[in-house]
Amino acid sequence: MGSMDTQLGERRTVLPPQDLEAMLDLSRFLDHVKAPAALLGPDGQTVPLPLEVFHVLVEVAHAMRAGKAITVAPVDQSLTTQEAADFLGISRPTLVKVLESGEVPFDRPGAGRHRRVRLQDVVAYQERRRVQRRAALDELTREAAEVGLYEADVDYTAALKAARKRMG
């Protein structure tokens, strides 16, 4: 996803190509590949693509096909509060409230007034929130079933699974 001289651990953002045709071709190809593929080097050497890398490649191709930029960062990457808020899709003031509540650890480097958070802590918070949302939805579904708000001829289980898949 960039030049080979990028330092390990360095954060890098890549914009989609101007001509999206090649990205569309790659994305369509990956849509039909159900198992990890292999990389073919310029010398003809083939190297199997680990499953984790394959999944990342699929996500990158789909995002770029939609015209989105991609940022690759190590999980120990330090973020500003604005970067963390953008990552979570919330406002910076809302993130500051989350930080002050203790839900996400932060530090103030050099005894400054600016907070910094680790990407891995932000990702962990995001996952906890996803689990909490799912539990709340399950509880609401259970309560609705108990009071008879469901119709017998509707497949709510399939609708619930589809909603969960969209939620992440």
N, C-alpha and C. Protein backbone atom coordinates (compact mmCIF):
# COMPACT_ATOMS: atom_id res chain seq x y z
N MET A 1 0.81 -1.18 0.00
CA MET A 1 0.00 0.00 0.00
C MET A 1 0.85 1.25 0.00
N GLY A 2 1.97 1.18 -0.54
CA GLY A 2 2.83 2.35 -0.58
C GLY A 2 4.22 1.91 -0.90
N SER A 3 5.14 2.83 -0.78
CA SER A 3 6.52 2.51 -1.09
C SER A 3 7.10 1.60 -0.03
N MET A 4 8.13 0.87 -0.42
CA MET A 4 8.76 -0.07 0.48
C MET A 4 9.60 0.62 1.54
N ASP A 5 9.83 1.93 1.40
CA ASP A 5 10.68 2.63 2.35
C ASP A 5 9.91 3.19 3.54
N THR A 6 8.60 2.88 3.65
CA THR A 6 7.83 3.32 4.80
C THR A 6 8.37 2.61 6.04
N GLN A 7 8.62 3.39 7.08
CA GLN A 7 9.15 2.83 8.31
C GLN A 7 8.10 1.98 9.01
N LEU A 8 8.54 0.84 9.58
CA LEU A 8 7.66 0.00 10.36
C LEU A 8 7.14 0.80 11.54
N GLY A 9 5.83 0.76 11.76
CA GLY A 9 5.25 1.50 12.87
C GLY A 9 4.84 2.90 12.50
N GLU A 10 5.14 3.33 11.30
CA GLU A 10 4.77 4.67 10.85
C GLU A 10 3.33 4.66 10.35
N ARG A 11 2.61 5.68 10.68
CA ARG A 11 1.23 5.82 10.21
C ARG A 11 1.25 6.33 8.78
N ARG A 12 0.38 5.78 7.94
CA ARG A 12 0.38 6.16 6.54
C ARG A 12 -1.05 6.18 6.03
N THR A 13 -1.44 7.28 5.37
CA THR A 13 -2.75 7.38 4.74
C THR A 13 -2.57 7.38 3.24
N VAL A 14 -3.38 6.58 2.56
CA VAL A 14 -3.29 6.45 1.12
C VAL A 14 -4.65 6.79 0.51
N LEU A 15 -4.64 7.71 -0.45
CA LEU A 15 -5.86 8.07 -1.16
C LEU A 15 -6.13 7.06 -2.26
N PRO A 16 -7.39 6.89 -2.64
CA PRO A 16 -7.67 5.97 -3.74
C PRO A 16 -7.07 6.51 -5.03
N PRO A 17 -6.78 5.63 -5.98
CA PRO A 17 -6.22 6.10 -7.25
C PRO A 17 -7.22 6.99 -8.00
N GLN A 18 -6.68 7.90 -8.82
CA GLN A 18 -7.54 8.77 -9.63
C GLN A 18 -8.41 7.93 -10.57
N ASP A 19 -7.80 6.95 -11.21
CA ASP A 19 -8.53 6.06 -12.10
C ASP A 19 -8.94 4.82 -11.29
N LEU A 20 -10.22 4.72 -10.96
CA LEU A 20 -10.69 3.64 -10.10
C LEU A 20 -10.91 2.32 -10.83
N GLU A 21 -10.68 2.28 -12.14
CA GLU A 21 -10.97 1.06 -12.90
C GLU A 21 -10.17 -0.14 -12.38
N ALA A 22 -8.88 0.03 -12.14
CA ALA A 22 -8.05 -1.07 -11.63
C ALA A 22 -8.53 -1.49 -10.24
N MET A 23 -8.93 -0.52 -9.41
CA MET A 23 -9.44 -0.83 -8.07
C MET A 23 -10.76 -1.59 -8.16
N LEU A 24 -11.60 -1.21 -9.12
CA LEU A 24 -12.86 -1.93 -9.32
C LEU A 24 -12.60 -3.36 -9.74
N ASP A 25 -11.63 -3.55 -10.64
CA ASP A 25 -11.28 -4.90 -11.08
C ASP A 25 -10.79 -5.74 -9.91
N LEU A 26 -9.90 -5.17 -9.07
CA LEU A 26 -9.37 -5.89 -7.92
C LEU A 26 -10.50 -6.22 -6.94
N SER A 27 -11.36 -5.27 -6.68
CA SER A 27 -12.46 -5.48 -5.73
C SER A 27 -13.40 -6.57 -6.23
N ARG A 28 -13.73 -6.54 -7.51
CA ARG A 28 -14.60 -7.58 -8.09
C ARG A 28 -13.94 -8.95 -7.99
N PHE A 29 -12.63 -9.00 -8.27
CA PHE A 29 -11.89 -10.26 -8.17
C PHE A 29 -11.96 -10.79 -6.74
N LEU A 30 -11.70 -9.91 -5.77
CA LEU A 30 -11.70 -10.33 -4.37
C LEU A 30 -13.09 -10.74 -3.89
N ASP A 31 -14.13 -10.17 -4.49
CA ASP A 31 -15.50 -10.57 -4.13
C ASP A 31 -15.77 -12.03 -4.45
N HIS A 32 -15.05 -12.57 -5.43
CA HIS A 32 -15.27 -13.95 -5.85
C HIS A 32 -14.26 -14.93 -5.27
N VAL A 33 -13.24 -14.43 -4.64
CA VAL A 33 -12.22 -15.30 -4.03
C VAL A 33 -12.65 -15.54 -2.59
N LYS A 34 -12.87 -16.79 -2.23
CA LYS A 34 -13.36 -17.10 -0.88
C LYS A 34 -12.25 -17.56 0.06
N ALA A 35 -11.07 -17.80 -0.45
CA ALA A 35 -9.94 -18.22 0.38
C ALA A 35 -8.77 -17.32 0.03
N PRO A 36 -7.83 -17.19 0.96
CA PRO A 36 -6.68 -16.34 0.68
C PRO A 36 -5.94 -16.76 -0.59
N ALA A 37 -5.47 -15.77 -1.30
CA ALA A 37 -4.74 -16.01 -2.54
C ALA A 37 -3.25 -15.98 -2.23
N ALA A 38 -2.46 -15.72 -3.24
CA ALA A 38 -1.01 -15.64 -3.07
C ALA A 38 -0.51 -14.42 -3.81
N LEU A 39 0.64 -13.93 -3.40
CA LEU A 39 1.29 -12.83 -4.09
C LEU A 39 2.29 -13.41 -5.07
N LEU A 40 2.36 -12.80 -6.23
CA LEU A 40 3.32 -13.20 -7.24
C LEU A 40 4.34 -12.08 -7.38
N GLY A 41 5.57 -12.39 -7.05
CA GLY A 41 6.63 -11.39 -7.11
C GLY A 41 7.14 -11.19 -8.52
N PRO A 42 7.91 -10.12 -8.75
CA PRO A 42 8.42 -9.84 -10.09
C PRO A 42 9.37 -10.93 -10.60
N ASP A 43 9.94 -11.69 -9.67
CA ASP A 43 10.84 -12.78 -10.08
C ASP A 43 10.11 -14.09 -10.29
N GLY A 44 8.76 -14.07 -10.16
CA GLY A 44 7.96 -15.27 -10.36
C GLY A 44 7.72 -16.06 -9.08
N GLN A 45 8.33 -15.64 -7.98
CA GLN A 45 8.13 -16.34 -6.71
C GLN A 45 6.71 -16.09 -6.21
N THR A 46 6.05 -17.15 -5.72
CA THR A 46 4.70 -17.06 -5.19
C THR A 46 4.77 -17.25 -3.68
N VAL A 47 4.09 -16.37 -2.96
CA VAL A 47 4.05 -16.44 -1.50
C VAL A 47 2.58 -16.44 -1.08
N PRO A 48 2.16 -17.43 -0.28
CA PRO A 48 0.77 -17.45 0.19
C PRO A 48 0.47 -16.21 1.03
N LEU A 49 -0.73 -15.69 0.89
CA LEU A 49 -1.17 -14.51 1.63
C LEU A 49 -1.85 -14.99 2.91
N PRO A 50 -1.33 -14.62 4.09
CA PRO A 50 -2.00 -15.04 5.34
C PRO A 50 -3.44 -14.55 5.37
N LEU A 51 -4.30 -15.31 6.03
CA LEU A 51 -5.73 -15.00 6.09
C LEU A 51 -5.98 -13.58 6.59
N GLU A 52 -5.24 -13.15 7.63
CA GLU A 52 -5.43 -11.82 8.18
C GLU A 52 -5.11 -10.73 7.16
N VAL A 53 -4.06 -10.93 6.40
CA VAL A 53 -3.67 -9.95 5.37
C VAL A 53 -4.69 -9.96 4.25
N PHE A 54 -5.19 -11.14 3.90
CA PHE A 54 -6.21 -11.25 2.86
C PHE A 54 -7.46 -10.44 3.25
N HIS A 55 -7.91 -10.58 4.50
CA HIS A 55 -9.11 -9.84 4.95
C HIS A 55 -8.87 -8.33 4.91
N VAL A 56 -7.69 -7.90 5.30
CA VAL A 56 -7.36 -6.46 5.24
C VAL A 56 -7.37 -5.99 3.80
N LEU A 57 -6.79 -6.78 2.90
CA LEU A 57 -6.76 -6.42 1.48
C LEU A 57 -8.17 -6.28 0.92
N VAL A 58 -9.07 -7.18 1.29
CA VAL A 58 -10.46 -7.10 0.84
C VAL A 58 -11.10 -5.79 1.33
N GLU A 59 -10.89 -5.47 2.62
CA GLU A 59 -11.47 -4.24 3.17
C GLU A 59 -10.89 -3.00 2.50
N VAL A 60 -9.59 -3.00 2.25
CA VAL A 60 -8.94 -1.86 1.60
C VAL A 60 -9.50 -1.68 0.19
N ALA A 61 -9.61 -2.76 -0.55
CA ALA A 61 -10.12 -2.68 -1.92
C ALA A 61 -11.55 -2.16 -1.95
N HIS A 62 -12.38 -2.63 -1.03
CA HIS A 62 -13.78 -2.17 -1.00
C HIS A 62 -13.87 -0.69 -0.62
N ALA A 63 -13.06 -0.27 0.34
CA ALA A 63 -13.09 1.13 0.75
C ALA A 63 -12.60 2.03 -0.38
N MET A 64 -11.51 1.66 -1.02
CA MET A 64 -10.97 2.48 -2.10
C MET A 64 -11.91 2.48 -3.30
N ARG A 65 -12.58 1.36 -3.53
CA ARG A 65 -13.56 1.31 -4.62
C ARG A 65 -14.66 2.34 -4.38
N ALA A 66 -14.97 2.59 -3.10
CA ALA A 66 -15.98 3.59 -2.73
C ALA A 66 -15.38 4.99 -2.68
N GLY A 67 -14.09 5.13 -3.05
CA GLY A 67 -13.46 6.44 -3.09
C GLY A 67 -12.93 6.91 -1.75
N LYS A 68 -12.81 6.01 -0.78
CA LYS A 68 -12.34 6.38 0.56
C LYS A 68 -10.83 6.22 0.67
N ALA A 69 -10.22 7.09 1.46
CA ALA A 69 -8.79 6.96 1.78
C ALA A 69 -8.65 5.90 2.86
N ILE A 70 -7.46 5.32 2.94
CA ILE A 70 -7.17 4.28 3.92
C ILE A 70 -5.99 4.73 4.76
N THR A 71 -6.10 4.54 6.08
CA THR A 71 -4.98 4.81 6.97
C THR A 71 -4.53 3.50 7.58
N VAL A 72 -3.25 3.24 7.50
CA VAL A 72 -2.66 2.06 8.13
C VAL A 72 -1.82 2.57 9.29
N ALA A 73 -2.08 2.03 10.48
CA ALA A 73 -1.35 2.48 11.67
C ALA A 73 -1.15 1.30 12.61
N PRO A 74 -0.03 1.25 13.30
CA PRO A 74 0.17 0.19 14.29
C PRO A 74 -0.76 0.41 15.47
N VAL A 75 -1.15 -0.68 16.16
CA VAL A 75 -2.12 -0.54 17.25
C VAL A 75 -1.57 0.27 18.41
N ASP A 76 -0.26 0.40 18.53
CA ASP A 76 0.28 1.21 19.62
C ASP A 76 0.45 2.67 19.21
N GLN A 77 -0.10 3.02 18.07
CA GLN A 77 -0.06 4.39 17.57
C GLN A 77 -0.73 5.33 18.56
N SER A 78 -0.12 6.47 18.79
CA SER A 78 -0.69 7.50 19.65
C SER A 78 -1.51 8.46 18.78
N LEU A 79 -2.72 8.78 19.25
CA LEU A 79 -3.62 9.65 18.49
C LEU A 79 -3.93 10.92 19.27
N THR A 80 -4.20 11.98 18.54
CA THR A 80 -4.74 13.19 19.17
C THR A 80 -6.21 12.92 19.48
N THR A 81 -6.81 13.77 20.28
CA THR A 81 -8.22 13.58 20.58
C THR A 81 -9.09 13.74 19.33
N GLN A 82 -8.69 14.62 18.42
CA GLN A 82 -9.46 14.78 17.19
C GLN A 82 -9.36 13.54 16.32
N GLU A 83 -8.16 12.97 16.21
CA GLU A 83 -8.00 11.74 15.42
C GLU A 83 -8.81 10.60 16.02
N ALA A 84 -8.80 10.47 17.35
CA ALA A 84 -9.56 9.41 18.01
C ALA A 84 -11.07 9.63 17.82
N ALA A 85 -11.51 10.88 17.94
CA ALA A 85 -12.93 11.19 17.73
C ALA A 85 -13.35 10.85 16.30
N ASP A 86 -12.51 11.22 15.34
CA ASP A 86 -12.81 10.90 13.93
C ASP A 86 -12.89 9.39 13.73
N PHE A 87 -11.97 8.65 14.34
CA PHE A 87 -11.95 7.19 14.22
C PHE A 87 -13.26 6.60 14.73
N LEU A 88 -13.75 7.12 15.86
CA LEU A 88 -14.97 6.60 16.48
C LEU A 88 -16.24 7.17 15.86
N GLY A 89 -16.10 8.23 15.06
CA GLY A 89 -17.28 8.85 14.46
C GLY A 89 -18.09 9.66 15.45
N ILE A 90 -17.38 10.26 16.42
CA ILE A 90 -18.05 11.11 17.41
C ILE A 90 -17.35 12.46 17.42
N SER A 91 -17.96 13.42 18.10
CA SER A 91 -17.33 14.74 18.17
C SER A 91 -16.18 14.72 19.17
N ARG A 92 -15.28 15.68 19.02
CA ARG A 92 -14.17 15.78 19.95
C ARG A 92 -14.64 16.05 21.38
N PRO A 93 -15.62 16.96 21.60
CA PRO A 93 -16.12 17.15 22.97
C PRO A 93 -16.71 15.88 23.58
N THR A 94 -17.38 15.08 22.77
CA THR A 94 -17.93 13.81 23.27
C THR A 94 -16.79 12.87 23.66
N LEU A 95 -15.75 12.82 22.84
CA LEU A 95 -14.60 11.98 23.18
C LEU A 95 -13.95 12.45 24.49
N VAL A 96 -13.81 13.74 24.66
CA VAL A 96 -13.20 14.27 25.89
C VAL A 96 -14.02 13.81 27.10
N LYS A 97 -15.35 13.80 26.99
CA LYS A 97 -16.19 13.30 28.09
C LYS A 97 -15.91 11.83 28.36
N VAL A 98 -15.74 11.05 27.29
CA VAL A 98 -15.41 9.63 27.44
C VAL A 98 -14.06 9.48 28.15
N LEU A 99 -13.09 10.29 27.76
CA LEU A 99 -11.77 10.23 28.39
C LEU A 99 -11.86 10.61 29.87
N GLU A 100 -12.55 11.69 30.16
CA GLU A 100 -12.66 12.17 31.54
C GLU A 100 -13.44 11.20 32.42
N SER A 101 -14.32 10.39 31.82
CA SER A 101 -15.08 9.41 32.59
C SER A 101 -14.23 8.18 32.92
N GLY A 102 -13.06 8.08 32.29
CA GLY A 102 -12.18 6.94 32.54
C GLY A 102 -12.41 5.75 31.64
N GLU A 103 -13.32 5.88 30.66
CA GLU A 103 -13.61 4.75 29.78
C GLU A 103 -12.47 4.45 28.82
N VAL A 104 -11.67 5.44 28.49
CA VAL A 104 -10.50 5.27 27.63
C VAL A 104 -9.33 5.97 28.32
N PRO A 105 -8.25 5.24 28.56
CA PRO A 105 -7.09 5.89 29.19
C PRO A 105 -6.43 6.89 28.25
N PHE A 106 -5.80 7.88 28.83
CA PHE A 106 -5.08 8.87 28.03
C PHE A 106 -3.90 9.38 28.85
N ASP A 107 -3.01 10.07 28.20
CA ASP A 107 -1.93 10.73 28.92
C ASP A 107 -1.71 12.11 28.32
N ARG A 108 -0.95 12.88 29.03
CA ARG A 108 -0.60 14.24 28.59
C ARG A 108 0.92 14.29 28.48
N PRO A 109 1.45 14.03 27.30
CA PRO A 109 2.90 14.00 27.15
C PRO A 109 3.56 15.33 27.53
N GLY A 110 4.69 15.22 28.20
CA GLY A 110 5.44 16.42 28.56
C GLY A 110 4.68 17.35 29.48
N ALA A 111 3.74 16.81 30.27
CA ALA A 111 2.93 17.61 31.20
C ALA A 111 2.18 18.73 30.47
N GLY A 112 1.89 18.51 29.19
CA GLY A 112 1.15 19.50 28.41
C GLY A 112 -0.33 19.42 28.69
N ARG A 113 -1.09 20.25 28.01
CA ARG A 113 -2.54 20.23 28.22
C ARG A 113 -3.25 19.37 27.19
N HIS A 114 -2.53 18.95 26.13
CA HIS A 114 -3.15 18.13 25.09
C HIS A 114 -3.12 16.65 25.49
N ARG A 115 -4.27 16.01 25.33
CA ARG A 115 -4.37 14.58 25.64
C ARG A 115 -3.97 13.76 24.43
N ARG A 116 -3.39 12.60 24.69
CA ARG A 116 -3.07 11.62 23.65
C ARG A 116 -3.65 10.28 24.08
N VAL A 117 -4.17 9.53 23.12
CA VAL A 117 -4.72 8.20 23.41
C VAL A 117 -4.06 7.19 22.48
N ARG A 118 -4.01 5.95 22.93
CA ARG A 118 -3.45 4.89 22.09
C ARG A 118 -4.56 4.29 21.23
N LEU A 119 -4.22 4.01 19.99
CA LEU A 119 -5.20 3.43 19.07
C LEU A 119 -5.78 2.15 19.64
N GLN A 120 -4.96 1.31 20.25
CA GLN A 120 -5.47 0.04 20.79
C GLN A 120 -6.51 0.27 21.88
N ASP A 121 -6.38 1.34 22.66
CA ASP A 121 -7.39 1.65 23.68
C ASP A 121 -8.69 2.14 23.04
N VAL A 122 -8.57 2.89 21.97
CA VAL A 122 -9.75 3.39 21.25
C VAL A 122 -10.49 2.21 20.59
N VAL A 123 -9.74 1.28 20.00
CA VAL A 123 -10.35 0.11 19.38
C VAL A 123 -11.03 -0.75 20.44
N ALA A 124 -10.41 -0.92 21.61
CA ALA A 124 -11.01 -1.70 22.70
C ALA A 124 -12.31 -1.05 23.17
N TYR A 125 -12.32 0.28 23.29
CA TYR A 125 -13.53 1.01 23.67
C TYR A 125 -14.63 0.79 22.62
N GLN A 126 -14.25 0.88 21.35
CA GLN A 126 -15.21 0.68 20.27
C GLN A 126 -15.84 -0.71 20.35
N GLU A 127 -15.03 -1.72 20.64
CA GLU A 127 -15.53 -3.09 20.74
C GLU A 127 -16.45 -3.23 21.96
N ARG A 128 -16.08 -2.64 23.10
CA ARG A 128 -16.96 -2.68 24.29
C ARG A 128 -18.31 -2.05 23.99
N ARG A 129 -18.30 -0.93 23.29
CA ARG A 129 -19.55 -0.24 22.93
C ARG A 129 -20.39 -1.11 21.99
N ARG A 130 -19.75 -1.80 21.06
CA ARG A 130 -20.47 -2.69 20.15
C ARG A 130 -21.15 -3.81 20.92
N VAL A 131 -20.44 -4.40 21.87
CA VAL A 131 -21.00 -5.47 22.69
C VAL A 131 -22.16 -4.94 23.54
N GLN A 132 -22.01 -3.74 24.10
CA GLN A 132 -23.08 -3.15 24.90
C GLN A 132 -24.33 -2.88 24.06
N ARG A 133 -24.12 -2.38 22.83
CA ARG A 133 -25.27 -2.12 21.94
C ARG A 133 -25.98 -3.42 21.60
N ARG A 134 -25.20 -4.46 21.33
CA ARG A 134 -25.81 -5.75 20.99
C ARG A 134 -26.60 -6.30 22.18
N ALA A 135 -26.06 -6.19 23.39
CA ALA A 135 -26.76 -6.67 24.59
C ALA A 135 -28.05 -5.88 24.80
N ALA A 136 -28.00 -4.56 24.58
CA ALA A 136 -29.20 -3.73 24.74
C ALA A 136 -30.26 -4.13 23.71
N LEU A 137 -29.84 -4.39 22.48
CA LEU A 137 -30.78 -4.81 21.45
C LEU A 137 -31.40 -6.16 21.80
N ASP A 138 -30.57 -7.09 22.30
CA ASP A 138 -31.10 -8.39 22.72
C ASP A 138 -32.13 -8.24 23.83
N GLU A 139 -31.85 -7.36 24.79
CA GLU A 139 -32.77 -7.13 25.90
C GLU A 139 -34.08 -6.52 25.40
N LEU A 140 -33.99 -5.54 24.51
CA LEU A 140 -35.21 -4.94 23.96
C LEU A 140 -36.03 -5.97 23.18
N THR A 141 -35.35 -6.82 22.45
CA THR A 141 -36.03 -7.87 21.68
C THR A 141 -36.74 -8.83 22.62
N ARG A 142 -36.05 -9.23 23.70
CA ARG A 142 -36.64 -10.14 24.67
C ARG A 142 -37.89 -9.50 25.31
N GLU A 143 -37.78 -8.23 25.72
CA GLU A 143 -38.90 -7.53 26.35
C GLU A 143 -40.08 -7.40 25.38
N ALA A 144 -39.78 -7.10 24.12
CA ALA A 144 -40.86 -6.98 23.12
C ALA A 144 -41.56 -8.31 22.92
N ALA A 145 -40.80 -9.38 22.92
CA ALA A 145 -41.40 -10.71 22.75
C ALA A 145 -42.29 -11.05 23.95
N GLU A 146 -41.85 -10.68 25.15
CA GLU A 146 -42.62 -10.97 26.36
C GLU A 146 -43.97 -10.25 26.37
N VAL A 147 -44.04 -9.06 25.84
CA VAL A 147 -45.30 -8.31 25.85
C VAL A 147 -46.11 -8.51 24.56
N GLY A 148 -45.63 -9.40 23.69
CA GLY A 148 -46.41 -9.76 22.51
C GLY A 148 -46.36 -8.78 21.36
N LEU A 149 -45.28 -8.05 21.24
CA LEU A 149 -45.17 -7.08 20.15
C LEU A 149 -44.73 -7.70 18.83
N TYR A 150 -44.43 -8.99 18.84
CA TYR A 150 -44.01 -9.66 17.61
C TYR A 150 -45.20 -10.35 16.95
N GLU A 151 -45.18 -10.34 15.62
CA GLU A 151 -46.19 -11.08 14.86
C GLU A 151 -45.60 -12.42 14.51
N ALA A 152 -46.41 -13.46 14.58
CA ALA A 152 -45.91 -14.81 14.38
C ALA A 152 -45.40 -15.07 12.97
N ASP A 153 -45.92 -14.37 11.97
CA ASP A 153 -45.54 -14.68 10.60
C ASP A 153 -44.34 -13.88 10.09
N VAL A 154 -43.71 -13.12 10.95
CA VAL A 154 -42.55 -12.33 10.54
C VAL A 154 -41.28 -13.00 11.05
N ASP A 155 -40.27 -13.09 10.19
CA ASP A 155 -39.00 -13.71 10.58
C ASP A 155 -38.10 -12.65 11.22
N TYR A 156 -38.33 -12.40 12.50
CA TYR A 156 -37.55 -11.39 13.22
C TYR A 156 -36.11 -11.83 13.43
N THR A 157 -35.89 -13.13 13.52
CA THR A 157 -34.53 -13.61 13.73
C THR A 157 -33.64 -13.21 12.56
N ALA A 158 -34.12 -13.38 11.35
CA ALA A 158 -33.34 -13.01 10.17
C ALA A 158 -33.13 -11.49 10.13
N ALA A 159 -34.17 -10.74 10.46
CA ALA A 159 -34.05 -9.27 10.47
C ALA A 159 -33.06 -8.83 11.54
N LEU A 160 -33.08 -9.47 12.70
CA LEU A 160 -32.16 -9.13 13.78
C LEU A 160 -30.72 -9.45 13.37
N LYS A 161 -30.52 -10.61 12.74
CA LYS A 161 -29.17 -10.97 12.28
C LYS A 161 -28.67 -9.97 11.24
N ALA A 162 -29.54 -9.56 10.33
CA ALA A 162 -29.14 -8.59 9.31
C ALA A 162 -28.80 -7.25 9.95
N ALA A 163 -29.58 -6.84 10.95
CA ALA A 163 -29.30 -5.56 11.64
C ALA A 163 -27.99 -5.65 12.39
N ARG A 164 -27.72 -6.77 13.03
CA ARG A 164 -26.45 -6.94 13.74
C ARG A 164 -25.28 -6.90 12.78
N LYS A 165 -25.44 -7.51 11.63
CA LYS A 165 -24.35 -7.51 10.64
C LYS A 165 -24.05 -6.09 10.18
N ARG A 166 -25.09 -5.29 9.97
CA ARG A 166 -24.89 -3.90 9.57
C ARG A 166 -24.24 -3.09 10.67
N MET A 167 -24.55 -3.39 11.94
CA MET A 167 -24.00 -2.66 13.07
C MET A 167 -22.52 -2.96 13.27
N GLY A 168 -22.09 -4.08 12.78
CA GLY A 168 -20.66 -4.28 12.87
C GLY A 168 -20.15 -5.40 13.61
